[in-house]
Amino acid sequence: MIVKKKAKAFMYGVGFYWEGDSGHVGLYASGSEVFYGTMEEAKSFQAYCQSRPDNRGKYKRQYKIFQLVEVPE
């Protein structure tokens, strides 16, 4: 019997850095800015963001996947 390994899901957002690598991130919002899914789903959404018609010319952005993690207090 072949058992498929279940893909690990995580919290993520797809966005781009504002003003270069200043550390400010703008997340793409599609109903929600933060999603829960697998890396395959995150890459699929990233490809969607890259291919949008408004992401061309001088407004072209390089979308990246950001993982949401808890910061200990």
PDB file of N, CA and C in Angstrom:
ATOM      1  N   MET A   1       0.843  -1.177   0.000  1.00  0.00           N
ATOM      2  CA  MET A   1       0.000   0.000   0.000  1.00  0.00           C
ATOM      3  C   MET A   1       0.895   1.250   0.000  1.00  0.00           C
ATOM      4  N   ILE A   2       0.657   2.128  -0.942  1.00  0.00           N
ATOM      5  CA  ILE A   2       1.427   3.367  -1.047  1.00  0.00           C
ATOM      6  C   ILE A   2       0.706   4.460  -0.258  1.00  0.00           C
ATOM      7  N   VAL A   3       1.461   5.099   0.632  1.00  0.00           N
ATOM      8  CA  VAL A   3       0.898   6.172   1.445  1.00  0.00           C
ATOM      9  C   VAL A   3       1.530   7.491   1.001  1.00  0.00           C
ATOM     10  N   LYS A   4       0.690   8.429   0.588  1.00  0.00           N
ATOM     11  CA  LYS A   4       1.196   9.740   0.191  1.00  0.00           C
ATOM     12  C   LYS A   4       1.461  10.585   1.423  1.00  0.00           C
ATOM     13  N   LYS A   5       2.583  11.278   1.410  1.00  0.00           N
ATOM     14  CA  LYS A   5       2.904  12.185   2.506  1.00  0.00           C
ATOM     15  C   LYS A   5       2.073  13.454   2.336  1.00  0.00           C
ATOM     16  N   LYS A   6       1.377  13.849   3.383  1.00  0.00           N
ATOM     17  CA  LYS A   6       0.542  15.037   3.333  1.00  0.00           C
ATOM     18  C   LYS A   6       1.424  16.291   3.349  1.00  0.00           C
ATOM     19  N   ALA A   7       1.150  17.213   2.427  1.00  0.00           N
ATOM     20  CA  ALA A   7       1.919  18.454   2.361  1.00  0.00           C
ATOM     21  C   ALA A   7       1.649  19.289   3.609  1.00  0.00           C
ATOM     22  N   LYS A   8       2.696  19.904   4.125  1.00  0.00           N
ATOM     23  CA  LYS A   8       2.574  20.702   5.339  1.00  0.00           C
ATOM     24  C   LYS A   8       1.996  22.074   4.990  1.00  0.00           C
ATOM     25  N   ALA A   9       0.961  22.479   5.713  1.00  0.00           N
ATOM     26  CA  ALA A   9       0.325  23.779   5.503  1.00  0.00           C
ATOM     27  C   ALA A   9       0.881  24.794   6.494  1.00  0.00           C
ATOM     28  N   PHE A  10       0.858  26.057   6.114  1.00  0.00           N
ATOM     29  CA  PHE A  10       1.366  27.136   6.964  1.00  0.00           C
ATOM     30  C   PHE A  10       0.638  28.425   6.629  1.00  0.00           C
ATOM     31  N   MET A  11       0.787  29.421   7.495  1.00  0.00           N
ATOM     32  CA  MET A  11       0.190  30.742   7.259  1.00  0.00           C
ATOM     33  C   MET A  11       1.147  31.532   6.370  1.00  0.00           C
ATOM     34  N   TYR A  12       0.606  32.160   5.317  1.00  0.00           N
ATOM     35  CA  TYR A  12       1.463  32.906   4.407  1.00  0.00           C
ATOM     36  C   TYR A  12       0.729  34.106   3.814  1.00  0.00           C
ATOM     37  N   GLY A  13       1.519  35.002   3.297  1.00  0.00           N
ATOM     38  CA  GLY A  13       1.017  36.131   2.538  1.00  0.00           C
ATOM     39  C   GLY A  13       1.898  36.278   1.305  1.00  0.00           C
ATOM     40  N   VAL A  14       1.334  36.787   0.223  1.00  0.00           N
ATOM     41  CA  VAL A  14       2.104  37.043  -0.996  1.00  0.00           C
ATOM     42  C   VAL A  14       2.155  38.545  -1.175  1.00  0.00           C
ATOM     43  N   GLY A  15       3.356  39.078  -1.270  1.00  0.00           N
ATOM     44  CA  GLY A  15       3.484  40.524  -1.372  1.00  0.00           C
ATOM     45  C   GLY A  15       4.811  40.929  -1.979  1.00  0.00           C
ATOM     46  N   PHE A  16       5.127  42.194  -1.830  1.00  0.00           N
ATOM     47  CA  PHE A  16       6.348  42.753  -2.399  1.00  0.00           C
ATOM     48  C   PHE A  16       6.913  43.771  -1.421  1.00  0.00           C
ATOM     49  N   TYR A  17       8.200  44.052  -1.570  1.00  0.00           N
ATOM     50  CA  TYR A  17       8.846  45.056  -0.730  1.00  0.00           C
ATOM     51  C   TYR A  17       8.547  46.442  -1.282  1.00  0.00           C
ATOM     52  N   TRP A  18       8.092  47.354  -0.430  1.00  0.00           N
ATOM     53  CA  TRP A  18       7.920  48.759  -0.808  1.00  0.00           C
ATOM     54  C   TRP A  18       9.295  49.404  -0.833  1.00  0.00           C
ATOM     55  N   GLU A  19       9.530  50.264  -1.768  1.00  0.00           N
ATOM     56  CA  GLU A  19      10.771  51.051  -1.847  1.00  0.00           C
ATOM     57  C   GLU A  19      12.011  50.168  -1.733  1.00  0.00           C
ATOM     58  N   GLY A  20      12.107  49.153  -2.564  1.00  0.00           N
ATOM     59  CA  GLY A  20      13.276  48.282  -2.542  1.00  0.00           C
ATOM     60  C   GLY A  20      13.279  47.358  -1.348  1.00  0.00           C
ATOM     61  N   ASP A  21      14.426  47.210  -0.718  1.00  0.00           N
ATOM     62  CA  ASP A  21      14.559  46.304   0.427  1.00  0.00           C
ATOM     63  C   ASP A  21      14.517  47.054   1.753  1.00  0.00           C
ATOM     64  N   SER A  22      13.629  48.019   1.879  1.00  0.00           N
ATOM     65  CA  SER A  22      13.536  48.820   3.100  1.00  0.00           C
ATOM     66  C   SER A  22      12.953  48.034   4.276  1.00  0.00           C
ATOM     67  N   GLY A  23      12.377  46.882   4.002  1.00  0.00           N
ATOM     68  CA  GLY A  23      11.759  46.091   5.058  1.00  0.00           C
ATOM     69  C   GLY A  23      10.249  46.246   5.097  1.00  0.00           C
ATOM     70  N   HIS A  24       9.703  47.243   4.421  1.00  0.00           N
ATOM     71  CA  HIS A  24       8.260  47.437   4.368  1.00  0.00           C
ATOM     72  C   HIS A  24       7.676  46.503   3.306  1.00  0.00           C
ATOM     73  N   VAL A  25       6.630  45.774   3.692  1.00  0.00           N
ATOM     74  CA  VAL A  25       6.029  44.797   2.795  1.00  0.00           C
ATOM     75  C   VAL A  25       4.578  45.176   2.526  1.00  0.00           C
ATOM     76  N   GLY A  26       4.181  45.118   1.260  1.00  0.00           N
ATOM     77  CA  GLY A  26       2.782  45.306   0.869  1.00  0.00           C
ATOM     78  C   GLY A  26       2.226  43.965   0.434  1.00  0.00           C
ATOM     79  N   LEU A  27       1.240  43.435   1.153  1.00  0.00           N
ATOM     80  CA  LEU A  27       0.661  42.140   0.805  1.00  0.00           C
ATOM     81  C   LEU A  27      -0.483  42.297  -0.176  1.00  0.00           C
ATOM     82  N   TYR A  28      -0.575  41.375  -1.117  1.00  0.00           N
ATOM     83  CA  TYR A  28      -1.670  41.342  -2.075  1.00  0.00           C
ATOM     84  C   TYR A  28      -2.911  40.834  -1.339  1.00  0.00           C
ATOM     85  N   ALA A  29      -4.018  41.517  -1.480  1.00  0.00           N
ATOM     86  CA  ALA A  29      -5.250  41.125  -0.790  1.00  0.00           C
ATOM     87  C   ALA A  29      -6.264  40.587  -1.791  1.00  0.00           C
ATOM     88  N   SER A  30      -6.767  39.401  -1.526  1.00  0.00           N
ATOM     89  CA  SER A  30      -7.825  38.791  -2.333  1.00  0.00           C
ATOM     90  C   SER A  30      -8.824  38.179  -1.356  1.00  0.00           C
ATOM     91  N   GLY A  31      -9.647  39.024  -0.770  1.00  0.00           N
ATOM     92  CA  GLY A  31     -10.561  38.567   0.266  1.00  0.00           C
ATOM     93  C   GLY A  31      -9.881  38.539   1.623  1.00  0.00           C
ATOM     94  N   SER A  32      -8.615  38.221   1.645  1.00  0.00           N
ATOM     95  CA  SER A  32      -7.821  38.178   2.865  1.00  0.00           C
ATOM     96  C   SER A  32      -6.376  38.443   2.480  1.00  0.00           C
ATOM     97  N   GLU A  33      -5.605  39.002   3.396  1.00  0.00           N
ATOM     98  CA  GLU A  33      -4.186  39.223   3.115  1.00  0.00           C
ATOM     99  C   GLU A  33      -3.342  38.039   3.547  1.00  0.00           C
ATOM    100  N   VAL A  34      -3.844  37.263   4.501  1.00  0.00           N
ATOM    101  CA  VAL A  34      -3.097  36.131   5.035  1.00  0.00           C
ATOM    102  C   VAL A  34      -3.873  34.855   4.718  1.00  0.00           C
ATOM    103  N   PHE A  35      -3.158  33.853   4.241  1.00  0.00           N
ATOM    104  CA  PHE A  35      -3.782  32.605   3.812  1.00  0.00           C
ATOM    105  C   PHE A  35      -3.168  31.435   4.566  1.00  0.00           C
ATOM    106  N   TYR A  36      -3.852  30.301   4.543  1.00  0.00           N
ATOM    107  CA  TYR A  36      -3.358  29.070   5.149  1.00  0.00           C
ATOM    108  C   TYR A  36      -3.393  28.003   4.069  1.00  0.00           C
ATOM    109  N   GLY A  37      -2.231  27.435   3.764  1.00  0.00           N
ATOM    110  CA  GLY A  37      -2.187  26.414   2.730  1.00  0.00           C
ATOM    111  C   GLY A  37      -0.786  25.844   2.590  1.00  0.00           C
ATOM    112  N   THR A  38      -0.606  25.041   1.552  1.00  0.00           N
ATOM    113  CA  THR A  38       0.668  24.389   1.289  1.00  0.00           C
ATOM    114  C   THR A  38       1.557  25.303   0.438  1.00  0.00           C
ATOM    115  N   MET A  39       2.815  24.923   0.312  1.00  0.00           N
ATOM    116  CA  MET A  39       3.741  25.693  -0.517  1.00  0.00           C
ATOM    117  C   MET A  39       3.286  25.677  -1.972  1.00  0.00           C
ATOM    118  N   GLU A  40       2.707  24.593  -2.410  1.00  0.00           N
ATOM    119  CA  GLU A  40       2.192  24.510  -3.781  1.00  0.00           C
ATOM    120  C   GLU A  40       1.095  25.559  -4.000  1.00  0.00           C
ATOM    121  N   GLU A  41       0.195  25.696  -3.028  1.00  0.00           N
ATOM    122  CA  GLU A  41      -0.870  26.698  -3.130  1.00  0.00           C
ATOM    123  C   GLU A  41      -0.299  28.113  -3.077  1.00  0.00           C
ATOM    124  N   ALA A  42       0.701  28.319  -2.237  1.00  0.00           N
ATOM    125  CA  ALA A  42       1.330  29.633  -2.123  1.00  0.00           C
ATOM    126  C   ALA A  42       2.011  30.014  -3.436  1.00  0.00           C
ATOM    127  N   LYS A  43       2.716  29.084  -4.058  1.00  0.00           N
ATOM    128  CA  LYS A  43       3.377  29.354  -5.336  1.00  0.00           C
ATOM    129  C   LYS A  43       2.370  29.625  -6.439  1.00  0.00           C
ATOM    130  N   SER A  44       1.254  28.929  -6.408  1.00  0.00           N
ATOM    131  CA  SER A  44       0.198  29.153  -7.391  1.00  0.00           C
ATOM    132  C   SER A  44      -0.374  30.570  -7.254  1.00  0.00           C
ATOM    133  N   PHE A  45      -0.606  31.013  -6.017  1.00  0.00           N
ATOM    134  CA  PHE A  45      -1.126  32.360  -5.797  1.00  0.00           C
ATOM    135  C   PHE A  45      -0.077  33.410  -6.162  1.00  0.00           C
ATOM    136  N   GLN A  46       1.186  33.124  -5.897  1.00  0.00           N
ATOM    137  CA  GLN A  46       2.265  34.033  -6.279  1.00  0.00           C
ATOM    138  C   GLN A  46       2.301  34.198  -7.801  1.00  0.00           C
ATOM    139  N   ALA A  47       2.158  33.106  -8.540  1.00  0.00           N
ATOM    140  CA  ALA A  47       2.147  33.170 -10.006  1.00  0.00           C
ATOM    141  C   ALA A  47       0.956  33.992 -10.496  1.00  0.00           C
ATOM    142  N   TYR A  48      -0.193  33.841  -9.829  1.00  0.00           N
ATOM    143  CA  TYR A  48      -1.371  34.635 -10.179  1.00  0.00           C
ATOM    144  C   TYR A  48      -1.085  36.127  -9.998  1.00  0.00           C
ATOM    145  N   CYS A  49      -0.482  36.493  -8.872  1.00  0.00           N
ATOM    146  CA  CYS A  49      -0.165  37.904  -8.601  1.00  0.00           C
ATOM    147  C   CYS A  49       0.801  38.459  -9.644  1.00  0.00           C
ATOM    148  N   GLN A  50       1.813  37.662 -10.019  1.00  0.00           N
ATOM    149  CA  GLN A  50       2.802  38.099 -11.012  1.00  0.00           C
ATOM    150  C   GLN A  50       2.166  38.329 -12.377  1.00  0.00           C
ATOM    151  N   SER A  51       1.136  37.541 -12.713  1.00  0.00           N
ATOM    152  CA  SER A  51       0.550  37.599 -14.058  1.00  0.00           C
ATOM    153  C   SER A  51      -0.587  38.603 -14.197  1.00  0.00           C
ATOM    154  N   ARG A  52      -0.940  39.292 -13.135  1.00  0.00           N
ATOM    155  CA  ARG A  52      -2.046  40.260 -13.204  1.00  0.00           C
ATOM    156  C   ARG A  52      -1.744  41.341 -14.229  1.00  0.00           C
ATOM    157  N   PRO A  53      -2.762  41.815 -14.960  1.00  0.00           N
ATOM    158  CA  PRO A  53      -2.551  42.848 -15.987  1.00  0.00           C
ATOM    159  C   PRO A  53      -2.032  44.173 -15.420  1.00  0.00           C
ATOM    160  N   ASP A  54      -2.334  44.472 -14.158  1.00  0.00           N
ATOM    161  CA  ASP A  54      -1.869  45.729 -13.561  1.00  0.00           C
ATOM    162  C   ASP A  54      -0.424  45.625 -13.050  1.00  0.00           C
ATOM    163  N   ASN A  55       0.214  44.473 -13.234  1.00  0.00           N
ATOM    164  CA  ASN A  55       1.597  44.282 -12.799  1.00  0.00           C
ATOM    165  C   ASN A  55       2.527  44.303 -14.026  1.00  0.00           C
ATOM    166  N   ARG A  56       2.497  45.425 -14.753  1.00  0.00           N
ATOM    167  CA  ARG A  56       3.304  45.552 -15.965  1.00  0.00           C
ATOM    168  C   ARG A  56       3.948  46.926 -16.025  1.00  0.00           C
ATOM    169  N   GLY A  57       4.915  47.055 -16.915  1.00  0.00           N
ATOM    170  CA  GLY A  57       5.555  48.347 -17.143  1.00  0.00           C
ATOM    171  C   GLY A  57       6.302  48.858 -15.922  1.00  0.00           C
ATOM    172  N   LYS A  58       6.185  50.156 -15.681  1.00  0.00           N
ATOM    173  CA  LYS A  58       6.918  50.742 -14.550  1.00  0.00           C
ATOM    174  C   LYS A  58       6.331  50.334 -13.200  1.00  0.00           C
ATOM    175  N   TYR A  59       5.129  49.757 -13.189  1.00  0.00           N
ATOM    176  CA  TYR A  59       4.485  49.322 -11.944  1.00  0.00           C
ATOM    177  C   TYR A  59       4.734  47.837 -11.643  1.00  0.00           C
ATOM    178  N   LYS A  60       5.588  47.179 -12.433  1.00  0.00           N
ATOM    179  CA  LYS A  60       5.844  45.748 -12.232  1.00  0.00           C
ATOM    180  C   LYS A  60       6.516  45.509 -10.881  1.00  0.00           C
ATOM    181  N   ARG A  61       5.974  44.554 -10.148  1.00  0.00           N
ATOM    182  CA  ARG A  61       6.491  44.213  -8.820  1.00  0.00           C
ATOM    183  C   ARG A  61       6.926  42.761  -8.808  1.00  0.00           C
ATOM    184  N   GLN A  62       7.915  42.460  -8.010  1.00  0.00           N
ATOM    185  CA  GLN A  62       8.383  41.086  -7.839  1.00  0.00           C
ATOM    186  C   GLN A  62       7.730  40.527  -6.573  1.00  0.00           C
ATOM    187  N   TYR A  63       6.667  39.750  -6.742  1.00  0.00           N
ATOM    188  CA  TYR A  63       5.949  39.192  -5.598  1.00  0.00           C
ATOM    189  C   TYR A  63       6.728  38.038  -4.980  1.00  0.00           C
ATOM    190  N   LYS A  64       6.721  37.988  -3.648  1.00  0.00           N
ATOM    191  CA  LYS A  64       7.398  36.949  -2.883  1.00  0.00           C
ATOM    192  C   LYS A  64       6.414  36.341  -1.889  1.00  0.00           C
ATOM    193  N   ILE A  65       6.757  35.161  -1.386  1.00  0.00           N
ATOM    194  CA  ILE A  65       5.933  34.482  -0.386  1.00  0.00           C
ATOM    195  C   ILE A  65       6.534  34.772   0.986  1.00  0.00           C
ATOM    196  N   PHE A  66       5.686  35.243   1.903  1.00  0.00           N
ATOM    197  CA  PHE A  66       6.120  35.545   3.269  1.00  0.00           C
ATOM    198  C   PHE A  66       5.383  34.614   4.218  1.00  0.00           C
ATOM    199  N   GLN A  67       6.131  33.986   5.125  1.00  0.00           N
ATOM    200  CA  GLN A  67       5.535  33.099   6.114  1.00  0.00           C
ATOM    201  C   GLN A  67       5.215  33.891   7.372  1.00  0.00           C
ATOM    202  N   LEU A  68       4.021  33.679   7.904  1.00  0.00           N
ATOM    203  CA  LEU A  68       3.606  34.347   9.132  1.00  0.00           C
ATOM    204  C   LEU A  68       4.003  33.464  10.310  1.00  0.00           C
ATOM    205  N   VAL A  69       4.787  34.030  11.231  1.00  0.00           N
ATOM    206  CA  VAL A  69       5.207  33.293  12.425  1.00  0.00           C
ATOM    207  C   VAL A  69       4.909  34.127  13.664  1.00  0.00           C
ATOM    208  N   GLU A  70       4.678  33.445  14.768  1.00  0.00           N
ATOM    209  CA  GLU A  70       4.417  34.123  16.033  1.00  0.00           C
ATOM    210  C   GLU A  70       5.720  34.669  16.603  1.00  0.00           C
ATOM    211  N   VAL A  71       5.655  35.887  17.114  1.00  0.00           N
ATOM    212  CA  VAL A  71       6.815  36.499  17.759  1.00  0.00           C
ATOM    213  C   VAL A  71       6.630  36.371  19.261  1.00  0.00           C
ATOM    214  N   PRO A  72       7.555  35.696  19.956  1.00  0.00           N
ATOM    215  CA  PRO A  72       7.399  35.535  21.402  1.00  0.00           C
ATOM    216  C   PRO A  72       7.508  36.882  22.119  1.00  0.00           C
ATOM    217  N   GLU A  73       6.731  37.035  23.161  1.00  0.00           N
ATOM    218  CA  GLU A  73       6.740  38.295  23.918  1.00  0.00           C
ATOM    219  C   GLU A  73       7.829  38.308  24.956  1.00  0.00           C
TER     220      GLU A  73
END
